[in-house]
PDB file of all heavy atoms in Angstrom:
ATOM      1  N   GLY A   1      -7.358  -5.238   4.158  1.00  0.00           N
ATOM      2  CA  GLY A   1      -6.699  -6.486   3.799  1.00  0.00           C
ATOM      3  C   GLY A   1      -5.188  -6.393   3.913  1.00  0.00           C
ATOM      4  O   GLY A   1      -4.528  -7.313   4.415  1.00  0.00           O
ATOM      5  N   LEU A   2      -4.617  -5.292   3.447  1.00  0.00           N
ATOM      6  CA  LEU A   2      -3.171  -5.113   3.508  1.00  0.00           C
ATOM      7  C   LEU A   2      -2.686  -5.085   4.956  1.00  0.00           C
ATOM      8  O   LEU A   2      -1.640  -5.651   5.283  1.00  0.00           O
ATOM      9  CB  LEU A   2      -2.774  -3.826   2.791  1.00  0.00           C
ATOM     10  CG  LEU A   2      -2.967  -3.823   1.264  1.00  0.00           C
ATOM     11  CD1 LEU A   2      -2.758  -2.424   0.706  1.00  0.00           C
ATOM     12  CD2 LEU A   2      -2.018  -4.810   0.594  1.00  0.00           C
ATOM     13  N   LYS A   3      -3.445  -4.446   5.823  1.00  0.00           N
ATOM     14  CA  LYS A   3      -3.035  -4.370   7.232  1.00  0.00           C
ATOM     15  C   LYS A   3      -3.145  -5.738   7.901  1.00  0.00           C
ATOM     16  O   LYS A   3      -2.305  -6.102   8.733  1.00  0.00           O
ATOM     17  CB  LYS A   3      -3.868  -3.326   7.960  1.00  0.00           C
ATOM     18  CG  LYS A   3      -3.557  -1.905   7.502  1.00  0.00           C
ATOM     19  CD  LYS A   3      -4.361  -0.853   8.258  1.00  0.00           C
ATOM     20  CE  LYS A   3      -3.949   0.548   7.823  1.00  0.00           C
ATOM     21  NZ  LYS A   3      -4.699   1.610   8.531  1.00  0.00           N
ATOM     22  N   LYS A   4      -4.166  -6.505   7.522  1.00  0.00           N
ATOM     23  CA  LYS A   4      -4.298  -7.857   8.073  1.00  0.00           C
ATOM     24  C   LYS A   4      -3.141  -8.738   7.593  1.00  0.00           C
ATOM     25  O   LYS A   4      -2.590  -9.529   8.369  1.00  0.00           O
ATOM     26  CB  LYS A   4      -5.644  -8.454   7.642  1.00  0.00           C
ATOM     27  CG  LYS A   4      -5.953  -9.800   8.261  1.00  0.00           C
ATOM     28  CD  LYS A   4      -6.171  -9.676   9.768  1.00  0.00           C
ATOM     29  CE  LYS A   4      -6.618 -10.995  10.375  1.00  0.00           C
ATOM     30  NZ  LYS A   4      -7.969 -11.402   9.937  1.00  0.00           N
ATOM     31  N   LEU A   5      -2.797  -8.575   6.325  1.00  0.00           N
ATOM     32  CA  LEU A   5      -1.657  -9.321   5.798  1.00  0.00           C
ATOM     33  C   LEU A   5      -0.382  -8.952   6.542  1.00  0.00           C
ATOM     34  O   LEU A   5       0.418  -9.826   6.899  1.00  0.00           O
ATOM     35  CB  LEU A   5      -1.496  -9.038   4.302  1.00  0.00           C
ATOM     36  CG  LEU A   5      -0.257  -9.634   3.622  1.00  0.00           C
ATOM     37  CD1 LEU A   5      -0.294 -11.162   3.666  1.00  0.00           C
ATOM     38  CD2 LEU A   5      -0.149  -9.151   2.176  1.00  0.00           C
ATOM     39  N   ALA A   6      -0.177  -7.661   6.796  1.00  0.00           N
ATOM     40  CA  ALA A   6       1.019  -7.218   7.513  1.00  0.00           C
ATOM     41  C   ALA A   6       1.095  -7.860   8.892  1.00  0.00           C
ATOM     42  O   ALA A   6       2.182  -8.233   9.364  1.00  0.00           O
ATOM     43  CB  ALA A   6       1.024  -5.692   7.624  1.00  0.00           C
ATOM     44  N   GLU A   7      -0.053  -8.006   9.548  1.00  0.00           N
ATOM     45  CA  GLU A   7      -0.077  -8.661  10.862  1.00  0.00           C
ATOM     46  C   GLU A   7       0.352 -10.118  10.744  1.00  0.00           C
ATOM     47  O   GLU A   7       1.097 -10.635  11.585  1.00  0.00           O
ATOM     48  CB  GLU A   7      -1.488  -8.581  11.461  1.00  0.00           C
ATOM     49  CG  GLU A   7      -1.929  -7.191  11.866  1.00  0.00           C
ATOM     50  CD  GLU A   7      -3.370  -7.181  12.343  1.00  0.00           C
ATOM     51  OE1 GLU A   7      -3.954  -8.288  12.500  1.00  0.00           O
ATOM     52  OE2 GLU A   7      -3.929  -6.091  12.556  1.00  0.00           O
ATOM     53  N   GLN A   8      -0.137 -10.788   9.702  1.00  0.00           N
ATOM     54  CA  GLN A   8       0.199 -12.207   9.509  1.00  0.00           C
ATOM     55  C   GLN A   8       1.684 -12.391   9.210  1.00  0.00           C
ATOM     56  O   GLN A   8       2.314 -13.323   9.702  1.00  0.00           O
ATOM     57  CB  GLN A   8      -0.627 -12.778   8.344  1.00  0.00           C
ATOM     58  CG  GLN A   8      -2.090 -12.974   8.640  1.00  0.00           C
ATOM     59  CD  GLN A   8      -2.350 -14.211   9.492  1.00  0.00           C
ATOM     60  OE1 GLN A   8      -1.530 -15.113   9.529  1.00  0.00           O
ATOM     61  NE2 GLN A   8      -3.472 -14.238  10.172  1.00  0.00           N
ATOM     62  N   VAL A   9       2.240 -11.498   8.406  1.00  0.00           N
ATOM     63  CA  VAL A   9       3.619 -11.656   7.949  1.00  0.00           C
ATOM     64  C   VAL A   9       4.615 -11.187   9.004  1.00  0.00           C
ATOM     65  O   VAL A   9       5.720 -11.724   9.118  1.00  0.00           O
ATOM     66  CB  VAL A   9       3.825 -10.885   6.625  1.00  0.00           C
ATOM     67  CG1 VAL A   9       5.290 -10.935   6.185  1.00  0.00           C
ATOM     68  CG2 VAL A   9       2.927 -11.464   5.539  1.00  0.00           C
ATOM     69  N   GLY A  10       4.245 -10.172   9.768  1.00  0.00           N
ATOM     70  CA  GLY A  10       5.145  -9.672  10.800  1.00  0.00           C
ATOM     71  C   GLY A  10       6.286  -8.858  10.218  1.00  0.00           C
ATOM     72  O   GLY A  10       6.124  -8.088   9.270  1.00  0.00           O
ATOM     73  N   GLN A  11       7.488  -9.048  10.738  1.00  0.00           N
ATOM     74  CA  GLN A  11       8.627  -8.210  10.357  1.00  0.00           C
ATOM     75  C   GLN A  11       9.068  -8.416   8.915  1.00  0.00           C
ATOM     76  O   GLN A  11       9.827  -7.597   8.377  1.00  0.00           O
ATOM     77  CB  GLN A  11       9.802  -8.488  11.295  1.00  0.00           C
ATOM     78  CG  GLN A  11      10.355  -9.903  11.205  1.00  0.00           C
ATOM     79  CD  GLN A  11      11.492 -10.145  12.181  1.00  0.00           C
ATOM     80  OE1 GLN A  11      11.776  -9.307  13.039  1.00  0.00           O
ATOM     81  NE2 GLN A  11      12.152 -11.280  12.046  1.00  0.00           N
ATOM     82  N   ASP A  12       8.610  -9.479   8.286  1.00  0.00           N
ATOM     83  CA  ASP A  12       8.983  -9.720   6.891  1.00  0.00           C
ATOM     84  C   ASP A  12       8.129  -8.917   5.904  1.00  0.00           C
ATOM     85  O   ASP A  12       8.415  -8.897   4.705  1.00  0.00           O
ATOM     86  CB  ASP A  12       8.860 -11.210   6.544  1.00  0.00           C
ATOM     87  CG  ASP A  12       9.883 -12.057   7.288  1.00  0.00           C
ATOM     88  OD1 ASP A  12      10.996 -11.554   7.523  1.00  0.00           O
ATOM     89  OD2 ASP A  12       9.554 -13.198   7.640  1.00  0.00           O
ATOM     90  N   PHE A  13       7.076  -8.272   6.401  1.00  0.00           N
ATOM     91  CA  PHE A  13       6.230  -7.470   5.522  1.00  0.00           C
ATOM     92  C   PHE A  13       6.991  -6.223   5.088  1.00  0.00           C
ATOM     93  O   PHE A  13       7.508  -5.476   5.921  1.00  0.00           O
ATOM     94  CB  PHE A  13       4.935  -7.077   6.230  1.00  0.00           C
ATOM     95  CG  PHE A  13       3.973  -6.324   5.355  1.00  0.00           C
ATOM     96  CD1 PHE A  13       3.192  -6.983   4.423  1.00  0.00           C
ATOM     97  CD2 PHE A  13       3.859  -4.939   5.469  1.00  0.00           C
ATOM     98  CE1 PHE A  13       2.304  -6.296   3.615  1.00  0.00           C
ATOM     99  CE2 PHE A  13       2.971  -4.236   4.675  1.00  0.00           C
ATOM    100  CZ  PHE A  13       2.193  -4.915   3.739  1.00  0.00           C
ATOM    101  N   GLN A  14       7.052  -5.988   3.772  1.00  0.00           N
ATOM    102  CA  GLN A  14       7.821  -4.862   3.235  1.00  0.00           C
ATOM    103  C   GLN A  14       6.958  -3.630   2.993  1.00  0.00           C
ATOM    104  O   GLN A  14       7.281  -2.541   3.445  1.00  0.00           O
ATOM    105  CB  GLN A  14       8.511  -5.278   1.929  1.00  0.00           C
ATOM    106  CG  GLN A  14       9.395  -6.499   2.066  1.00  0.00           C
ATOM    107  CD  GLN A  14      10.510  -6.292   3.065  1.00  0.00           C
ATOM    108  OE1 GLN A  14      11.320  -5.381   2.925  1.00  0.00           O
ATOM    109  NE2 GLN A  14      10.556  -7.140   4.093  1.00  0.00           N
ATOM    110  N   SER A  15       5.881  -3.800   2.256  1.00  0.00           N
ATOM    111  CA  SER A  15       4.983  -2.673   1.986  1.00  0.00           C
ATOM    112  C   SER A  15       3.712  -3.202   1.350  1.00  0.00           C
ATOM    113  O   SER A  15       3.652  -4.336   0.860  1.00  0.00           O
ATOM    114  CB  SER A  15       5.635  -1.630   1.072  1.00  0.00           C
ATOM    115  OG  SER A  15       5.864  -2.160  -0.220  1.00  0.00           O
ATOM    116  N   GLY A  16       2.686  -2.356   1.331  1.00  0.00           N
ATOM    117  CA  GLY A  16       1.426  -2.701   0.687  1.00  0.00           C
ATOM    118  C   GLY A  16       0.908  -1.496  -0.080  1.00  0.00           C
ATOM    119  O   GLY A  16       0.951  -0.374   0.430  1.00  0.00           O
ATOM    120  N   ILE A  17       0.447  -1.714  -1.303  1.00  0.00           N
ATOM    121  CA  ILE A  17      -0.065  -0.599  -2.091  1.00  0.00           C
ATOM    122  C   ILE A  17      -1.454  -0.936  -2.633  1.00  0.00           C
ATOM    123  O   ILE A  17      -1.785  -2.105  -2.856  1.00  0.00           O
ATOM    124  CB  ILE A  17       0.863  -0.216  -3.264  1.00  0.00           C
ATOM    125  CG1 ILE A  17       0.966  -1.367  -4.279  1.00  0.00           C
ATOM    126  CG2 ILE A  17       2.232   0.192  -2.764  1.00  0.00           C
ATOM    127  CD1 ILE A  17       1.721  -0.968  -5.535  1.00  0.00           C
ATOM    128  N   ILE A  18      -2.240   0.105  -2.795  1.00  0.00           N
ATOM    129  CA  ILE A  18      -3.517  -0.005  -3.491  1.00  0.00           C
ATOM    130  C   ILE A  18      -3.341   0.641  -4.858  1.00  0.00           C
ATOM    131  O   ILE A  18      -3.006   1.832  -4.950  1.00  0.00           O
ATOM    132  CB  ILE A  18      -4.648   0.696  -2.718  1.00  0.00           C
ATOM    133  CG1 ILE A  18      -4.877   0.009  -1.372  1.00  0.00           C
ATOM    134  CG2 ILE A  18      -5.931   0.689  -3.541  1.00  0.00           C
ATOM    135  CD1 ILE A  18      -5.911   0.723  -0.501  1.00  0.00           C
ATOM    136  N   LEU A  19      -3.506  -0.120  -5.911  1.00  0.00           N
ATOM    137  CA  LEU A  19      -3.488   0.429  -7.262  1.00  0.00           C
ATOM    138  C   LEU A  19      -4.900   0.910  -7.587  1.00  0.00           C
ATOM    139  O   LEU A  19      -5.850   0.128  -7.525  1.00  0.00           O
ATOM    140  CB  LEU A  19      -3.027  -0.632  -8.259  1.00  0.00           C
ATOM    141  CG  LEU A  19      -1.528  -0.930  -8.262  1.00  0.00           C
ATOM    142  CD1 LEU A  19      -1.231  -2.141  -9.143  1.00  0.00           C
ATOM    143  CD2 LEU A  19      -0.727   0.268  -8.741  1.00  0.00           C
ATOM    144  N   TYR A  20      -5.028   2.193  -7.921  1.00  0.00           N
ATOM    145  CA  TYR A  20      -6.355   2.763  -8.144  1.00  0.00           C
ATOM    146  C   TYR A  20      -6.311   3.678  -9.363  1.00  0.00           C
ATOM    147  O   TYR A  20      -5.245   3.920  -9.941  1.00  0.00           O
ATOM    148  CB  TYR A  20      -6.830   3.497  -6.891  1.00  0.00           C
ATOM    149  CG  TYR A  20      -6.225   4.871  -6.673  1.00  0.00           C
ATOM    150  CD1 TYR A  20      -7.044   6.000  -6.597  1.00  0.00           C
ATOM    151  CD2 TYR A  20      -4.832   5.054  -6.536  1.00  0.00           C
ATOM    152  CE1 TYR A  20      -6.494   7.268  -6.385  1.00  0.00           C
ATOM    153  CE2 TYR A  20      -4.294   6.310  -6.323  1.00  0.00           C
ATOM    154  CZ  TYR A  20      -5.123   7.415  -6.257  1.00  0.00           C
ATOM    155  OH  TYR A  20      -4.580   8.655  -6.061  1.00  0.00           O
ATOM    156  N   SER A  21      -7.463   4.218  -9.763  1.00  0.00           N
ATOM    157  CA  SER A  21      -7.559   4.977 -11.010  1.00  0.00           C
ATOM    158  C   SER A  21      -7.298   6.470 -10.843  1.00  0.00           C
ATOM    159  O   SER A  21      -7.605   7.249 -11.749  1.00  0.00           O
ATOM    160  CB  SER A  21      -8.954   4.781 -11.632  1.00  0.00           C
ATOM    161  OG  SER A  21      -9.153   3.444 -12.000  1.00  0.00           O
ATOM    162  N   GLY A  22      -6.737   6.874  -9.716  1.00  0.00           N
ATOM    163  CA  GLY A  22      -6.453   8.279  -9.494  1.00  0.00           C
ATOM    164  C   GLY A  22      -5.132   8.698 -10.105  1.00  0.00           C
ATOM    165  O   GLY A  22      -4.496   7.957 -10.874  1.00  0.00           O
ATOM    166  N   ASP A  23      -4.682   9.902  -9.745  1.00  0.00           N
ATOM    167  CA  ASP A  23      -3.486  10.487 -10.352  1.00  0.00           C
ATOM    168  C   ASP A  23      -2.317  10.638  -9.390  1.00  0.00           C
ATOM    169  O   ASP A  23      -1.168  10.702  -9.818  1.00  0.00           O
ATOM    170  CB  ASP A  23      -3.831  11.878 -10.918  1.00  0.00           C
ATOM    171  CG  ASP A  23      -4.942  11.825 -11.945  1.00  0.00           C
ATOM    172  OD1 ASP A  23      -4.719  11.256 -13.019  1.00  0.00           O
ATOM    173  OD2 ASP A  23      -6.043  12.339 -11.650  1.00  0.00           O
ATOM    174  N   SER A  24      -2.585  10.711  -8.090  1.00  0.00           N
ATOM    175  CA  SER A  24      -1.548  10.989  -7.100  1.00  0.00           C
ATOM    176  C   SER A  24      -1.201   9.746  -6.294  1.00  0.00           C
ATOM    177  O   SER A  24      -2.022   8.840  -6.131  1.00  0.00           O
ATOM    178  CB  SER A  24      -2.017  12.098  -6.144  1.00  0.00           C
ATOM    179  OG  SER A  24      -2.275  13.296  -6.836  1.00  0.00           O
ATOM    180  N   ILE A  25       0.029   9.716  -5.799  1.00  0.00           N
ATOM    181  CA  ILE A  25       0.431   8.689  -4.833  1.00  0.00           C
ATOM    182  C   ILE A  25       0.076   9.220  -3.456  1.00  0.00           C
ATOM    183  O   ILE A  25       0.598  10.256  -3.015  1.00  0.00           O
ATOM    184  CB  ILE A  25       1.935   8.391  -4.929  1.00  0.00           C
ATOM    185  CG1 ILE A  25       2.298   7.918  -6.339  1.00  0.00           C
ATOM    186  CG2 ILE A  25       2.322   7.321  -3.900  1.00  0.00           C
ATOM    187  CD1 ILE A  25       3.784   7.633  -6.519  1.00  0.00           C
ATOM    188  N   LEU A  26      -0.836   8.528  -2.780  1.00  0.00           N
ATOM    189  CA  LEU A  26      -1.416   9.040  -1.543  1.00  0.00           C
ATOM    190  C   LEU A  26      -0.906   8.271  -0.328  1.00  0.00           C
ATOM    191  O   LEU A  26      -0.797   7.039  -0.351  1.00  0.00           O
ATOM    192  CB  LEU A  26      -2.942   8.944  -1.598  1.00  0.00           C
ATOM    193  CG  LEU A  26      -3.621   9.649  -2.775  1.00  0.00           C
ATOM    194  CD1 LEU A  26      -5.115   9.370  -2.756  1.00  0.00           C
ATOM    195  CD2 LEU A  26      -3.339  11.152  -2.733  1.00  0.00           C
ATOM    196  N   SER A  27      -0.626   8.996   0.730  1.00  0.00           N
ATOM    197  CA  SER A  27      -0.219   8.377   1.982  1.00  0.00           C
ATOM    198  C   SER A  27      -1.443   7.922   2.767  1.00  0.00           C
ATOM    199  O   SER A  27      -2.504   8.545   2.714  1.00  0.00           O
ATOM    200  CB  SER A  27       0.583   9.378   2.822  1.00  0.00           C
ATOM    201  OG  SER A  27       0.818   8.873   4.119  1.00  0.00           O
ATOM    202  N   SER A  28      -1.278   6.832   3.492  1.00  0.00           N
ATOM    203  CA  SER A  28      -2.355   6.338   4.358  1.00  0.00           C
ATOM    204  C   SER A  28      -2.174   6.794   5.799  1.00  0.00           C
ATOM    205  O   SER A  28      -3.004   6.487   6.654  1.00  0.00           O
ATOM    206  CB  SER A  28      -2.373   4.808   4.326  1.00  0.00           C
ATOM    207  OG  SER A  28      -1.211   4.289   4.953  1.00  0.00           O
ATOM    208  N   GLY A  29      -1.067   7.487   6.048  1.00  0.00           N
ATOM    209  CA  GLY A  29      -0.719   7.826   7.432  1.00  0.00           C
ATOM    210  C   GLY A  29       0.269   6.847   8.018  1.00  0.00           C
ATOM    211  O   GLY A  29       0.822   7.072   9.088  1.00  0.00           O
ATOM    212  N   ASP A  30       0.495   5.736   7.339  1.00  0.00           N
ATOM    213  CA  ASP A  30       1.477   4.720   7.717  1.00  0.00           C
ATOM    214  C   ASP A  30       2.384   4.538   6.501  1.00  0.00           C
ATOM    215  O   ASP A  30       1.911   4.218   5.408  1.00  0.00           O
ATOM    216  CB  ASP A  30       0.770   3.412   8.072  1.00  0.00           C
ATOM    217  CG  ASP A  30       1.721   2.318   8.537  1.00  0.00           C
ATOM    218  OD1 ASP A  30       2.890   2.301   8.087  1.00  0.00           O
ATOM    219  OD2 ASP A  30       1.296   1.453   9.326  1.00  0.00           O
ATOM    220  N   ASP A  31       3.678   4.748   6.674  1.00  0.00           N
ATOM    221  CA  ASP A  31       4.613   4.720   5.544  1.00  0.00           C
ATOM    222  C   ASP A  31       4.603   3.400   4.786  1.00  0.00           C
ATOM    223  O   ASP A  31       5.037   3.339   3.632  1.00  0.00           O
ATOM    224  CB  ASP A  31       6.045   5.001   6.031  1.00  0.00           C
ATOM    225  CG  ASP A  31       6.221   6.425   6.507  1.00  0.00           C
ATOM    226  OD1 ASP A  31       5.367   7.269   6.160  1.00  0.00           O
ATOM    227  OD2 ASP A  31       7.213   6.695   7.230  1.00  0.00           O
ATOM    228  N   ARG A  32       4.110   2.351   5.420  1.00  0.00           N
ATOM    229  CA  ARG A  32       4.126   1.047   4.754  1.00  0.00           C
ATOM    230  C   ARG A  32       3.006   0.901   3.727  1.00  0.00           C
ATOM    231  O   ARG A  32       3.047  -0.011   2.891  1.00  0.00           O
ATOM    232  CB  ARG A  32       4.000  -0.078   5.782  1.00  0.00           C
ATOM    233  CG  ARG A  32       5.147  -0.159   6.782  1.00  0.00           C
ATOM    234  CD  ARG A  32       4.878  -1.253   7.798  1.00  0.00           C
ATOM    235  NE  ARG A  32       3.625  -1.010   8.512  1.00  0.00           N
ATOM    236  CZ  ARG A  32       3.004  -1.918   9.278  1.00  0.00           C
ATOM    237  NH1 ARG A  32       3.532  -3.125   9.413  1.00  0.00           N
ATOM    238  NH2 ARG A  32       1.889  -1.611   9.908  1.00  0.00           N
ATOM    239  N   PHE A  33       2.007   1.757   3.788  1.00  0.00           N
ATOM    240  CA  PHE A  33       0.819   1.603   2.938  1.00  0.00           C
ATOM    241  C   PHE A  33       0.571   2.882   2.130  1.00  0.00           C
ATOM    242  O   PHE A  33       0.493   3.972   2.692  1.00  0.00           O
ATOM    243  CB  PHE A  33      -0.411   1.292   3.790  1.00  0.00           C
ATOM    244  CG  PHE A  33      -0.237   0.117   4.707  1.00  0.00           C
ATOM    245  CD1 PHE A  33      -0.039   0.302   6.070  1.00  0.00           C
ATOM    246  CD2 PHE A  33      -0.244  -1.170   4.204  1.00  0.00           C
ATOM    247  CE1 PHE A  33       0.120  -0.774   6.916  1.00  0.00           C
ATOM    248  CE2 PHE A  33      -0.078  -2.263   5.047  1.00  0.00           C
ATOM    249  CZ  PHE A  33       0.111  -2.069   6.402  1.00  0.00           C
ATOM    250  N   LEU A  34       0.449   2.708   0.802  1.00  0.00           N
ATOM    251  CA  LEU A  34       0.224   3.833  -0.093  1.00  0.00           C
ATOM    252  C   LEU A  34      -0.822   3.468  -1.134  1.00  0.00           C
ATOM    253  O   LEU A  34      -1.018   2.277  -1.448  1.00  0.00           O
ATOM    254  CB  LEU A  34       1.508   4.224  -0.823  1.00  0.00           C
ATOM    255  CG  LEU A  34       2.660   4.824  -0.016  1.00  0.00           C
ATOM    256  CD1 LEU A  34       3.901   4.911  -0.897  1.00  0.00           C
ATOM    257  CD2 LEU A  34       2.292   6.200   0.515  1.00  0.00           C
ATOM    258  N   ALA A  35      -1.469   4.479  -1.690  1.00  0.00           N
ATOM    259  CA  ALA A  35      -2.315   4.305  -2.872  1.00  0.00           C
ATOM    260  C   ALA A  35      -1.535   4.832  -4.067  1.00  0.00           C
ATOM    261  O   ALA A  35      -1.031   5.959  -4.037  1.00  0.00           O
ATOM    262  CB  ALA A  35      -3.632   5.061  -2.707  1.00  0.00           C
ATOM    263  N   VAL A  36      -1.405   4.017  -5.109  1.00  0.00           N
ATOM    264  CA  VAL A  36      -0.556   4.339  -6.267  1.00  0.00           C
ATOM    265  C   VAL A  36      -1.407   4.266  -7.530  1.00  0.00           C
ATOM    266  O   VAL A  36      -2.160   3.305  -7.723  1.00  0.00           O
ATOM    267  CB  VAL A  36       0.631   3.347  -6.364  1.00  0.00           C
ATOM    268  CG1 VAL A  36       1.483   3.649  -7.587  1.00  0.00           C
ATOM    269  CG2 VAL A  36       1.477   3.402  -5.086  1.00  0.00           C
ATOM    270  N   PRO A  37      -1.276   5.255  -8.430  1.00  0.00           N
ATOM    271  CA  PRO A  37      -2.063   5.219  -9.666  1.00  0.00           C
ATOM    272  C   PRO A  37      -1.746   4.005 -10.523  1.00  0.00           C
ATOM    273  O   PRO A  37      -0.566   3.615 -10.654  1.00  0.00           O
ATOM    274  CB  PRO A  37      -1.646   6.516 -10.384  1.00  0.00           C
ATOM    275  CG  PRO A  37      -1.153   7.411  -9.306  1.00  0.00           C
ATOM    276  CD  PRO A  37      -0.521   6.508  -8.286  1.00  0.00           C
ATOM    277  N   LEU A  38      -2.762   3.403 -11.106  1.00  0.00           N
ATOM    278  CA  LEU A  38      -2.564   2.284 -12.032  1.00  0.00           C
ATOM    279  C   LEU A  38      -1.667   2.681 -13.194  1.00  0.00           C
ATOM    280  O   LEU A  38      -0.935   1.839 -13.738  1.00  0.00           O
ATOM    281  CB  LEU A  38      -3.922   1.813 -12.562  1.00  0.00           C
ATOM    282  CG  LEU A  38      -4.730   0.942 -11.612  1.00  0.00           C
ATOM    283  CD1 LEU A  38      -6.223   1.070 -11.940  1.00  0.00           C
ATOM    284  CD2 LEU A  38      -4.296  -0.514 -11.722  1.00  0.00           C
ATOM    285  N   SER A  39      -1.701   3.941 -13.573  1.00  0.00           N
ATOM    286  CA  SER A  39      -0.910   4.396 -14.717  1.00  0.00           C
ATOM    287  C   SER A  39       0.584   4.218 -14.501  1.00  0.00           C
ATOM    288  O   SER A  39       1.367   4.198 -15.472  1.00  0.00           O
ATOM    289  CB  SER A  39      -1.217   5.871 -15.023  1.00  0.00           C
ATOM    290  OG  SER A  39      -0.940   6.693 -13.904  1.00  0.00           O
ATOM    291  N   LYS A  40       1.024   4.061 -13.251  1.00  0.00           N
ATOM    292  CA  LYS A  40       2.439   3.824 -12.989  1.00  0.00           C
ATOM    293  C   LYS A  40       2.912   2.504 -13.618  1.00  0.00           C
ATOM    294  O   LYS A  40       4.098   2.318 -13.856  1.00  0.00           O
ATOM    295  CB  LYS A  40       2.726   3.811 -11.481  1.00  0.00           C
ATOM    296  CG  LYS A  40       2.547   5.157 -10.777  1.00  0.00           C
ATOM    297  CD  LYS A  40       3.581   6.159 -11.243  1.00  0.00           C
ATOM    298  CE  LYS A  40       3.475   7.455 -10.456  1.00  0.00           C
ATOM    299  NZ  LYS A  40       4.446   8.480 -10.935  1.00  0.00           N
ATOM    300  N   LEU A  41       1.979   1.592 -13.859  1.00  0.00           N
ATOM    301  CA  LEU A  41       2.345   0.317 -14.493  1.00  0.00           C
ATOM    302  C   LEU A  41       2.952   0.532 -15.873  1.00  0.00           C
ATOM    303  O   LEU A  41       3.759  -0.273 -16.322  1.00  0.00           O
ATOM    304  CB  LEU A  41       1.108  -0.585 -14.609  1.00  0.00           C
ATOM    305  CG  LEU A  41       0.589  -1.225 -13.323  1.00  0.00           C
ATOM    306  CD1 LEU A  41      -0.792  -1.833 -13.558  1.00  0.00           C
ATOM    307  CD2 LEU A  41       1.562  -2.294 -12.822  1.00  0.00           C
TER     308      LEU A  41
END
């Protein structure tokens, strides 16, 4: 979904994150997309 959104938005897309129940901030292989722990909230 985040990648589809990035396509729709184009150059105005800043970043996309998945908030999940893990502990680490994980790279997706693309600097624009990361998985971030919910606990960061």
